[in-house]
Amino acid sequence: MKKTPLLNIALSRLIASLGHGDMVVIADAGLPVPPGVELIDLALTQGIPDFVSTLKVVLSEMQVERHVLAQEILDKQPPALSALDELNAKGALGQRELLSHDQFKVLSRQARAIVRTGECAPYCNIVLVSGVTF
């Protein structure tokens, strides 16, 4: 059995297959999934699993070079934003980039996969851009 926190087979396979610059989206329950982008659907019900818990488990295995948020998250200030700021301050998310929510949805078309959570707070979505460990 794996020793790291991530147990989901599809998510673990995805992270193991990433190359430098590949993108993964951790999404709330409402973000549309573009045709042709893999969906790893973890959502069970509202709030389960939540955005922050899912992100932290992904970060336990994924090297992140930079991340992208929708500008609107700063306006709405969902509870997850403080956790994002804390992770960013610790260097876990690399450089931050902000786009409009519409631009964020366009960018998500380039993702290797979208991981849907049960999060129902607005704009709790992040694009993680894979880095390298060397």
N, C-alpha and C. Protein backbone atom coordinates (compact mmCIF):
# COMPACT_ATOMS: atom_id res chain seq x y z
N MET A 1 0.84 -1.18 0.00
CA MET A 1 0.00 0.00 0.00
C MET A 1 0.89 1.25 0.00
N LYS A 2 0.41 2.32 -0.65
CA LYS A 2 1.16 3.57 -0.72
C LYS A 2 1.36 4.17 0.66
N LYS A 3 2.47 4.88 0.80
CA LYS A 3 2.78 5.54 2.07
C LYS A 3 2.35 7.00 2.08
N THR A 4 2.06 7.56 0.91
CA THR A 4 1.64 8.96 0.84
C THR A 4 0.13 9.05 1.04
N PRO A 5 -0.38 10.24 1.33
CA PRO A 5 -1.81 10.39 1.63
C PRO A 5 -2.75 10.10 0.44
N LEU A 6 -2.28 10.24 -0.79
CA LEU A 6 -3.15 10.11 -1.95
C LEU A 6 -3.44 8.65 -2.26
N LEU A 7 -4.71 8.26 -2.14
CA LEU A 7 -5.10 6.88 -2.39
C LEU A 7 -5.89 6.70 -3.69
N ASN A 8 -6.46 7.76 -4.23
CA ASN A 8 -7.27 7.66 -5.44
C ASN A 8 -6.41 7.23 -6.62
N ILE A 9 -6.76 6.13 -7.25
CA ILE A 9 -5.95 5.55 -8.32
C ILE A 9 -5.85 6.49 -9.52
N ALA A 10 -6.96 7.04 -9.96
CA ALA A 10 -6.96 7.90 -11.15
C ALA A 10 -6.13 9.16 -10.90
N LEU A 11 -6.26 9.73 -9.73
CA LEU A 11 -5.52 10.95 -9.41
C LEU A 11 -4.02 10.66 -9.26
N SER A 12 -3.69 9.57 -8.64
CA SER A 12 -2.29 9.18 -8.49
C SER A 12 -1.66 8.91 -9.86
N ARG A 13 -2.38 8.23 -10.73
CA ARG A 13 -1.90 7.96 -12.09
C ARG A 13 -1.67 9.26 -12.84
N LEU A 14 -2.61 10.20 -12.73
CA LEU A 14 -2.48 11.48 -13.40
C LEU A 14 -1.21 12.20 -12.96
N ILE A 15 -1.00 12.32 -11.67
CA ILE A 15 0.15 13.06 -11.15
C ILE A 15 1.45 12.39 -11.58
N ALA A 16 1.47 11.06 -11.56
CA ALA A 16 2.68 10.33 -11.97
C ALA A 16 2.99 10.55 -13.44
N SER A 17 1.99 10.89 -14.24
CA SER A 17 2.19 11.05 -15.69
C SER A 17 2.51 12.47 -16.12
N LEU A 18 2.49 13.43 -15.18
CA LEU A 18 2.68 14.83 -15.55
C LEU A 18 4.12 15.13 -15.95
N GLY A 19 4.25 16.00 -16.92
CA GLY A 19 5.53 16.56 -17.31
C GLY A 19 5.55 18.03 -16.99
N HIS A 20 6.71 18.65 -17.15
CA HIS A 20 6.89 20.06 -16.85
C HIS A 20 5.93 20.91 -17.67
N GLY A 21 5.15 21.73 -17.01
CA GLY A 21 4.22 22.63 -17.68
C GLY A 21 2.82 22.08 -17.86
N ASP A 22 2.61 20.79 -17.58
CA ASP A 22 1.26 20.22 -17.67
C ASP A 22 0.38 20.86 -16.61
N MET A 23 -0.90 20.97 -16.92
CA MET A 23 -1.84 21.63 -16.01
C MET A 23 -2.90 20.67 -15.49
N VAL A 24 -3.21 20.83 -14.21
CA VAL A 24 -4.28 20.10 -13.55
C VAL A 24 -5.17 21.13 -12.89
N VAL A 25 -6.48 20.98 -13.04
CA VAL A 25 -7.43 21.88 -12.40
C VAL A 25 -8.09 21.16 -11.22
N ILE A 26 -8.05 21.78 -10.06
CA ILE A 26 -8.86 21.34 -8.92
C ILE A 26 -10.07 22.27 -8.93
N ALA A 27 -11.26 21.70 -9.02
CA ALA A 27 -12.45 22.51 -9.29
C ALA A 27 -13.55 22.33 -8.25
N ASP A 28 -14.36 23.37 -8.15
CA ASP A 28 -15.57 23.25 -7.35
C ASP A 28 -16.59 22.42 -8.13
N ALA A 29 -17.73 22.18 -7.54
CA ALA A 29 -18.72 21.30 -8.16
C ALA A 29 -19.36 21.88 -9.41
N GLY A 30 -19.23 23.19 -9.62
CA GLY A 30 -19.92 23.83 -10.73
C GLY A 30 -19.10 24.17 -11.95
N LEU A 31 -17.77 24.03 -11.88
CA LEU A 31 -16.95 24.42 -13.03
C LEU A 31 -17.24 23.48 -14.20
N PRO A 32 -17.54 24.04 -15.39
CA PRO A 32 -17.79 23.18 -16.54
C PRO A 32 -16.51 22.46 -16.97
N VAL A 33 -16.68 21.23 -17.43
CA VAL A 33 -15.56 20.43 -17.92
C VAL A 33 -15.59 20.47 -19.44
N PRO A 34 -14.56 21.03 -20.07
CA PRO A 34 -14.55 21.13 -21.52
C PRO A 34 -14.51 19.75 -22.17
N PRO A 35 -15.13 19.61 -23.34
CA PRO A 35 -15.05 18.34 -24.06
C PRO A 35 -13.59 17.97 -24.32
N GLY A 36 -13.28 16.71 -24.12
CA GLY A 36 -11.94 16.21 -24.39
C GLY A 36 -10.98 16.30 -23.22
N VAL A 37 -11.37 16.97 -22.13
CA VAL A 37 -10.51 17.04 -20.94
C VAL A 37 -10.99 15.95 -19.97
N GLU A 38 -10.03 15.16 -19.48
CA GLU A 38 -10.36 14.10 -18.54
C GLU A 38 -10.98 14.68 -17.28
N LEU A 39 -12.01 14.02 -16.78
CA LEU A 39 -12.65 14.40 -15.52
C LEU A 39 -12.37 13.32 -14.49
N ILE A 40 -11.79 13.72 -13.37
CA ILE A 40 -11.68 12.83 -12.21
C ILE A 40 -12.66 13.38 -11.20
N ASP A 41 -13.79 12.73 -11.08
CA ASP A 41 -14.90 13.24 -10.28
C ASP A 41 -14.86 12.63 -8.89
N LEU A 42 -14.48 13.44 -7.92
CA LEU A 42 -14.42 13.01 -6.53
C LEU A 42 -15.67 13.41 -5.75
N ALA A 43 -16.52 14.26 -6.33
CA ALA A 43 -17.67 14.82 -5.62
C ALA A 43 -18.64 13.74 -5.18
N LEU A 44 -18.98 13.78 -3.90
CA LEU A 44 -19.98 12.86 -3.34
C LEU A 44 -21.29 13.57 -3.03
N THR A 45 -21.17 14.73 -2.40
CA THR A 45 -22.30 15.57 -2.04
C THR A 45 -21.75 16.96 -1.76
N GLN A 46 -22.61 17.92 -1.48
CA GLN A 46 -22.12 19.28 -1.23
C GLN A 46 -21.08 19.30 -0.13
N GLY A 47 -19.89 19.80 -0.48
CA GLY A 47 -18.83 19.96 0.50
C GLY A 47 -17.93 18.75 0.71
N ILE A 48 -18.25 17.64 0.10
CA ILE A 48 -17.46 16.42 0.30
C ILE A 48 -17.03 15.84 -1.03
N PRO A 49 -15.71 15.76 -1.28
CA PRO A 49 -14.66 16.38 -0.48
C PRO A 49 -14.59 17.87 -0.75
N ASP A 50 -14.04 18.59 0.19
CA ASP A 50 -13.93 20.04 0.01
C ASP A 50 -12.69 20.37 -0.83
N PHE A 51 -12.65 21.57 -1.33
CA PHE A 51 -11.58 22.05 -2.20
C PHE A 51 -10.22 22.00 -1.52
N VAL A 52 -10.12 22.55 -0.31
CA VAL A 52 -8.83 22.68 0.36
C VAL A 52 -8.24 21.31 0.69
N SER A 53 -9.04 20.40 1.21
CA SER A 53 -8.53 19.05 1.53
C SER A 53 -8.02 18.36 0.28
N THR A 54 -8.76 18.48 -0.80
CA THR A 54 -8.35 17.86 -2.06
C THR A 54 -7.04 18.46 -2.54
N LEU A 55 -6.95 19.78 -2.51
CA LEU A 55 -5.73 20.46 -2.94
C LEU A 55 -4.53 20.01 -2.12
N LYS A 56 -4.67 19.95 -0.81
CA LYS A 56 -3.55 19.56 0.05
C LYS A 56 -3.07 18.14 -0.26
N VAL A 57 -3.99 17.23 -0.52
CA VAL A 57 -3.58 15.86 -0.85
C VAL A 57 -2.86 15.83 -2.19
N VAL A 58 -3.37 16.57 -3.18
CA VAL A 58 -2.69 16.64 -4.48
C VAL A 58 -1.29 17.21 -4.31
N LEU A 59 -1.15 18.24 -3.50
CA LEU A 59 0.16 18.86 -3.29
C LEU A 59 1.14 17.93 -2.58
N SER A 60 0.63 16.91 -1.91
CA SER A 60 1.53 15.96 -1.23
C SER A 60 2.33 15.15 -2.25
N GLU A 61 1.87 15.11 -3.50
CA GLU A 61 2.57 14.34 -4.54
C GLU A 61 2.98 15.16 -5.75
N MET A 62 2.39 16.32 -5.95
CA MET A 62 2.64 17.08 -7.18
C MET A 62 3.58 18.26 -6.93
N GLN A 63 4.59 18.37 -7.77
CA GLN A 63 5.48 19.54 -7.75
C GLN A 63 4.82 20.64 -8.56
N VAL A 64 4.56 21.78 -7.94
CA VAL A 64 3.86 22.88 -8.60
C VAL A 64 4.82 24.04 -8.84
N GLU A 65 4.85 24.50 -10.08
CA GLU A 65 5.69 25.63 -10.46
C GLU A 65 4.96 26.97 -10.31
N ARG A 66 3.67 26.95 -10.67
CA ARG A 66 2.85 28.15 -10.56
C ARG A 66 1.39 27.73 -10.52
N HIS A 67 0.53 28.68 -10.17
CA HIS A 67 -0.90 28.39 -10.11
C HIS A 67 -1.68 29.58 -10.65
N VAL A 68 -2.90 29.28 -11.08
CA VAL A 68 -3.77 30.30 -11.66
C VAL A 68 -5.10 30.27 -10.92
N LEU A 69 -5.57 31.45 -10.56
CA LEU A 69 -6.88 31.62 -9.92
C LEU A 69 -7.71 32.60 -10.74
N ALA A 70 -9.02 32.52 -10.58
CA ALA A 70 -9.89 33.54 -11.15
C ALA A 70 -9.86 34.77 -10.25
N GLN A 71 -9.74 35.91 -10.84
CA GLN A 71 -9.71 37.19 -10.10
C GLN A 71 -10.91 37.30 -9.16
N GLU A 72 -12.02 36.73 -9.55
CA GLU A 72 -13.27 36.84 -8.77
C GLU A 72 -13.16 36.22 -7.39
N ILE A 73 -12.23 35.28 -7.20
CA ILE A 73 -12.07 34.68 -5.87
C ILE A 73 -11.65 35.74 -4.85
N LEU A 74 -10.90 36.75 -5.32
CA LEU A 74 -10.47 37.82 -4.42
C LEU A 74 -11.64 38.72 -4.04
N ASP A 75 -12.61 38.84 -4.94
CA ASP A 75 -13.79 39.65 -4.67
C ASP A 75 -14.76 38.94 -3.73
N LYS A 76 -14.98 37.66 -3.96
CA LYS A 76 -15.96 36.88 -3.17
C LYS A 76 -15.41 36.42 -1.82
N GLN A 77 -14.08 36.27 -1.73
CA GLN A 77 -13.42 35.89 -0.47
C GLN A 77 -14.02 34.62 0.17
N PRO A 78 -14.10 33.50 -0.58
CA PRO A 78 -14.59 32.27 0.06
C PRO A 78 -13.60 31.81 1.13
N PRO A 79 -14.04 31.01 2.08
CA PRO A 79 -13.15 30.55 3.15
C PRO A 79 -11.86 29.89 2.63
N ALA A 80 -11.91 29.24 1.50
CA ALA A 80 -10.73 28.57 0.95
C ALA A 80 -9.61 29.54 0.59
N LEU A 81 -9.93 30.80 0.38
CA LEU A 81 -8.91 31.76 -0.03
C LEU A 81 -7.82 31.92 1.03
N SER A 82 -8.17 31.90 2.28
CA SER A 82 -7.14 32.03 3.33
C SER A 82 -6.20 30.82 3.30
N ALA A 83 -6.72 29.64 3.05
CA ALA A 83 -5.87 28.45 2.93
C ALA A 83 -4.97 28.55 1.71
N LEU A 84 -5.50 29.07 0.61
CA LEU A 84 -4.68 29.27 -0.59
C LEU A 84 -3.55 30.26 -0.32
N ASP A 85 -3.86 31.34 0.37
CA ASP A 85 -2.85 32.33 0.70
C ASP A 85 -1.77 31.74 1.61
N GLU A 86 -2.19 30.91 2.55
CA GLU A 86 -1.24 30.26 3.46
C GLU A 86 -0.33 29.29 2.69
N LEU A 87 -0.90 28.47 1.82
CA LEU A 87 -0.11 27.54 1.01
C LEU A 87 0.84 28.30 0.10
N ASN A 88 0.37 29.41 -0.44
CA ASN A 88 1.20 30.23 -1.32
C ASN A 88 2.37 30.83 -0.55
N ALA A 89 2.11 31.31 0.66
CA ALA A 89 3.16 31.89 1.49
C ALA A 89 4.23 30.86 1.85
N LYS A 90 3.83 29.59 1.96
CA LYS A 90 4.77 28.50 2.27
C LYS A 90 5.54 28.03 1.03
N GLY A 91 5.19 28.58 -0.13
CA GLY A 91 5.88 28.20 -1.36
C GLY A 91 5.35 26.93 -2.02
N ALA A 92 4.21 26.44 -1.58
CA ALA A 92 3.67 25.18 -2.11
C ALA A 92 3.00 25.34 -3.47
N LEU A 93 2.69 26.60 -3.85
CA LEU A 93 1.93 26.82 -5.08
C LEU A 93 2.71 27.58 -6.15
N GLY A 94 3.93 27.94 -5.88
CA GLY A 94 4.71 28.70 -6.86
C GLY A 94 4.10 30.07 -7.09
N GLN A 95 4.44 30.63 -8.22
CA GLN A 95 3.98 31.99 -8.57
C GLN A 95 2.48 32.00 -8.84
N ARG A 96 1.81 33.06 -8.42
CA ARG A 96 0.35 33.21 -8.62
C ARG A 96 0.08 34.05 -9.85
N GLU A 97 -0.91 33.61 -10.64
CA GLU A 97 -1.40 34.36 -11.78
C GLU A 97 -2.91 34.49 -11.63
N LEU A 98 -3.45 35.65 -11.97
CA LEU A 98 -4.89 35.88 -11.89
C LEU A 98 -5.44 36.14 -13.29
N LEU A 99 -6.58 35.53 -13.57
CA LEU A 99 -7.32 35.72 -14.82
C LEU A 99 -8.77 35.98 -14.47
N SER A 100 -9.52 36.49 -15.43
CA SER A 100 -10.97 36.56 -15.22
C SER A 100 -11.51 35.12 -15.19
N HIS A 101 -12.69 34.94 -14.62
CA HIS A 101 -13.28 33.60 -14.57
C HIS A 101 -13.49 33.05 -15.98
N ASP A 102 -13.89 33.91 -16.91
CA ASP A 102 -14.07 33.46 -18.30
C ASP A 102 -12.75 33.01 -18.90
N GLN A 103 -11.67 33.76 -18.65
CA GLN A 103 -10.35 33.36 -19.15
C GLN A 103 -9.88 32.07 -18.47
N PHE A 104 -10.22 31.91 -17.20
CA PHE A 104 -9.88 30.70 -16.47
C PHE A 104 -10.53 29.48 -17.14
N LYS A 105 -11.80 29.62 -17.49
CA LYS A 105 -12.50 28.50 -18.15
C LYS A 105 -11.87 28.18 -19.51
N VAL A 106 -11.42 29.19 -20.23
CA VAL A 106 -10.74 28.95 -21.51
C VAL A 106 -9.42 28.21 -21.25
N LEU A 107 -8.66 28.64 -20.25
CA LEU A 107 -7.40 27.97 -19.92
C LEU A 107 -7.62 26.52 -19.54
N SER A 108 -8.72 26.23 -18.86
CA SER A 108 -8.99 24.86 -18.41
C SER A 108 -9.12 23.88 -19.57
N ARG A 109 -9.36 24.38 -20.77
CA ARG A 109 -9.42 23.50 -21.96
C ARG A 109 -8.08 22.83 -22.23
N GLN A 110 -6.98 23.43 -21.74
CA GLN A 110 -5.64 22.90 -21.96
C GLN A 110 -5.18 21.95 -20.85
N ALA A 111 -6.01 21.76 -19.84
CA ALA A 111 -5.62 20.92 -18.70
C ALA A 111 -5.55 19.46 -19.10
N ARG A 112 -4.65 18.74 -18.46
CA ARG A 112 -4.59 17.29 -18.62
C ARG A 112 -5.83 16.66 -18.00
N ALA A 113 -6.32 17.25 -16.89
CA ALA A 113 -7.52 16.74 -16.23
C ALA A 113 -8.11 17.81 -15.32
N ILE A 114 -9.39 17.65 -15.05
CA ILE A 114 -10.08 18.46 -14.06
C ILE A 114 -10.52 17.52 -12.95
N VAL A 115 -10.17 17.89 -11.72
CA VAL A 115 -10.54 17.12 -10.54
C VAL A 115 -11.71 17.84 -9.90
N ARG A 116 -12.89 17.24 -9.99
CA ARG A 116 -14.09 17.88 -9.43
C ARG A 116 -14.26 17.48 -7.98
N THR A 117 -14.41 18.49 -7.12
CA THR A 117 -14.66 18.26 -5.70
C THR A 117 -16.14 18.52 -5.42
N GLY A 118 -16.52 18.36 -4.18
CA GLY A 118 -17.89 18.69 -3.77
C GLY A 118 -18.02 20.12 -3.28
N GLU A 119 -16.98 20.92 -3.48
CA GLU A 119 -16.97 22.31 -3.02
C GLU A 119 -18.09 23.11 -3.68
N CYS A 120 -18.82 23.86 -2.89
CA CYS A 120 -19.92 24.66 -3.43
C CYS A 120 -19.77 26.15 -3.13
N ALA A 121 -18.60 26.58 -2.69
CA ALA A 121 -18.32 28.01 -2.54
C ALA A 121 -17.88 28.55 -3.90
N PRO A 122 -18.28 29.77 -4.23
CA PRO A 122 -17.96 30.31 -5.56
C PRO A 122 -16.47 30.51 -5.80
N TYR A 123 -16.06 30.19 -7.02
CA TYR A 123 -14.71 30.45 -7.54
C TYR A 123 -13.61 29.66 -6.84
N CYS A 124 -13.95 28.55 -6.23
CA CYS A 124 -12.93 27.69 -5.60
C CYS A 124 -12.38 26.75 -6.67
N ASN A 125 -11.58 27.32 -7.55
CA ASN A 125 -10.96 26.59 -8.64
C ASN A 125 -9.51 27.05 -8.74
N ILE A 126 -8.63 26.13 -9.10
CA ILE A 126 -7.22 26.47 -9.26
C ILE A 126 -6.63 25.64 -10.39
N VAL A 127 -5.81 26.27 -11.18
CA VAL A 127 -4.99 25.57 -12.17
C VAL A 127 -3.61 25.41 -11.54
N LEU A 128 -3.16 24.17 -11.44
CA LEU A 128 -1.82 23.88 -10.96
C LEU A 128 -0.95 23.54 -12.17
N VAL A 129 0.14 24.25 -12.30
CA VAL A 129 1.07 24.01 -13.42
C VAL A 129 2.25 23.22 -12.86
N SER A 130 2.48 22.06 -13.44
CA SER A 130 3.49 21.14 -12.96
C SER A 130 4.90 21.69 -13.13
N GLY A 131 5.68 21.51 -12.09
CA GLY A 131 7.09 21.88 -12.13
C GLY A 131 7.93 20.61 -12.18
N VAL A 132 9.22 20.77 -11.94
CA VAL A 132 10.13 19.63 -11.88
C VAL A 132 10.81 19.62 -10.52
N THR A 133 11.27 18.45 -10.13
CA THR A 133 11.90 18.32 -8.82
C THR A 133 13.41 18.43 -8.89
N PHE A 134 13.93 18.68 -10.08
CA PHE A 134 15.39 18.81 -10.22
C PHE A 134 15.75 20.14 -10.83
